[in-house]
Every structure is written in C-alpha cells, then in structure tokens.
C-alpha cells in the first residue's frame, strides 16, 4: 500500500519536494523543486559515478541523477564535468 502511494507521486514529479530542474555551473550546483523553491550550493561533491547513475552530495542532501534514455549523452556531460574537476 505504501509503495502504491509513494512511487507514483515521486516518479511523476507531483510531490512538492521532487526535483524538477538541476543546474551545474562552475563552482555552483542548484536545484529547483516542484514547489518552485530553489537552492544553490557552492560546496558539493561527487559521491558516486557510473555510466547510468550519478550521486551528488550537497550539504546534507543527496541528489540522484539517472541517465535519461531519450537524450543521448545526457549523463556523459555530467561525468565529463566531474572528471575534469576532480
């Protein structure tokens, strides 16, 4: 019952805390949530990296980014950024 409520809301980005936009710039990382709140981080670190997944730690928050199958090379751009700045 819990999964039937939790998964569709977060996967469809209907929950107010769902992240709908991520921006990675030189020296800053910002996220925008579904409730229109935005936060910018200047201290962020790559926690995990693979061909299909990137986990970024910003303060006490962990942002998980899965490869978008539609946009070719979408995750490889993030991988190149972190490889160049590690």
Protein backbone atom coordinates (compact mmCIF):
# COMPACT_ATOMS: atom_id res chain seq x y z
CA UNK A 1 0.00 0.00 0.00
CA UNK A 2 2.82 2.39 0.89
CA UNK A 3 4.61 1.77 -2.43
CA UNK A 4 1.42 2.40 -4.39
CA UNK A 5 1.27 5.87 -2.82
CA UNK A 6 4.97 6.73 -2.67
CA UNK A 7 6.37 5.63 -6.03
CA UNK A 8 3.87 7.19 -8.46
CA UNK A 9 3.99 10.59 -6.72
CA UNK A 10 7.77 10.80 -6.76
CA UNK A 11 8.27 9.26 -10.18
CA UNK A 12 5.72 11.56 -11.78
CA UNK A 13 7.21 14.62 -10.04
CA UNK A 14 3.93 15.53 -8.33
CA UNK A 15 5.35 15.68 -4.82
CA UNK A 16 6.36 19.20 -3.70
CA UNK A 17 9.87 18.01 -2.79
CA UNK A 18 10.53 16.41 -6.18
CA UNK A 19 13.44 17.99 -8.02
CA UNK A 20 12.41 19.19 -11.46
CA UNK A 21 15.50 21.15 -12.54
CA UNK A 22 19.23 20.81 -11.91
CA UNK A 23 21.91 23.30 -12.98
CA UNK A 24 25.62 22.57 -12.70
CA UNK A 25 27.83 25.60 -13.23
CA UNK A 26 31.44 26.46 -12.50
CA UNK A 27 31.62 26.33 -8.73
CA UNK A 28 27.88 26.07 -8.03
CA UNK A 29 25.13 23.47 -8.12
CA UNK A 30 21.48 24.50 -7.97
CA UNK A 31 18.24 22.58 -7.74
CA UNK A 32 14.64 23.68 -8.26
CA UNK A 33 11.83 21.73 -6.66
CA UNK A 34 8.26 21.22 -7.74
CA UNK A 35 7.04 23.74 -5.15
CA UNK A 36 9.07 26.42 -7.04
CA UNK A 37 11.68 26.67 -4.28
CA UNK A 38 15.27 26.88 -5.48
CA UNK A 39 18.54 26.38 -3.66
CA UNK A 40 22.09 26.96 -4.77
CA UNK A 41 25.05 25.07 -3.31
CA UNK A 42 28.66 26.13 -3.54
CA UNK A 43 30.04 23.13 -1.65
CA UNK A 44 29.09 19.94 -3.49
CA UNK A 45 30.91 16.68 -4.14
CA UNK A 46 30.54 13.70 -6.40
CA UNK A 47 29.56 10.76 -4.21
CA UNK A 48 29.18 8.05 -6.87
CA UNK A 49 29.55 7.88 -10.64
CA UNK A 50 28.80 5.22 -13.26
CA UNK A 51 27.59 5.11 -16.87
CA UNK A 52 23.94 5.18 -15.78
CA UNK A 53 23.94 6.98 -12.43
CA UNK A 54 25.48 9.97 -10.66
CA UNK A 55 25.00 10.80 -6.98
CA UNK A 56 25.91 14.34 -5.90
CA UNK A 57 26.22 15.36 -2.27
CA UNK A 58 25.36 18.98 -1.49
CA UNK A 59 25.49 19.77 2.23
CA UNK A 60 23.34 17.05 3.81
CA UNK A 61 21.33 16.40 0.64
CA UNK A 62 21.98 13.65 -1.87
CA UNK A 63 20.77 14.16 -5.45
CA UNK A 64 20.50 11.02 -7.56
CA UNK A 65 20.60 11.50 -11.33
CA UNK A 66 19.73 8.58 -13.60
CA UNK A 67 20.68 8.52 -17.27
CA UNK A 68 17.90 9.82 -19.46
CA UNK A 69 17.40 7.19 -22.15
CA UNK A 70 15.83 9.72 -24.54
CA UNK A 71 18.58 12.36 -24.51
CA UNK A 72 21.71 10.71 -25.81
CA UNK A 73 24.84 11.53 -23.85
CA UNK A 74 22.98 13.45 -21.14
CA UNK A 75 24.81 11.75 -18.30
CA UNK A 76 28.16 11.69 -20.07
CA UNK A 77 28.23 15.52 -19.92
CA UNK A 78 27.90 15.37 -16.14
CA UNK A 79 30.53 12.63 -15.99
CA UNK A 80 32.94 14.75 -18.07
CA UNK A 81 32.36 17.76 -15.79
CA UNK A 82 33.21 15.81 -12.64
CA UNK A 83 36.15 14.03 -14.27
CA UNK A 84 37.61 17.39 -15.31
CA UNK A 85 37.04 18.99 -11.89
CA UNK A 86 38.12 16.13 -9.61
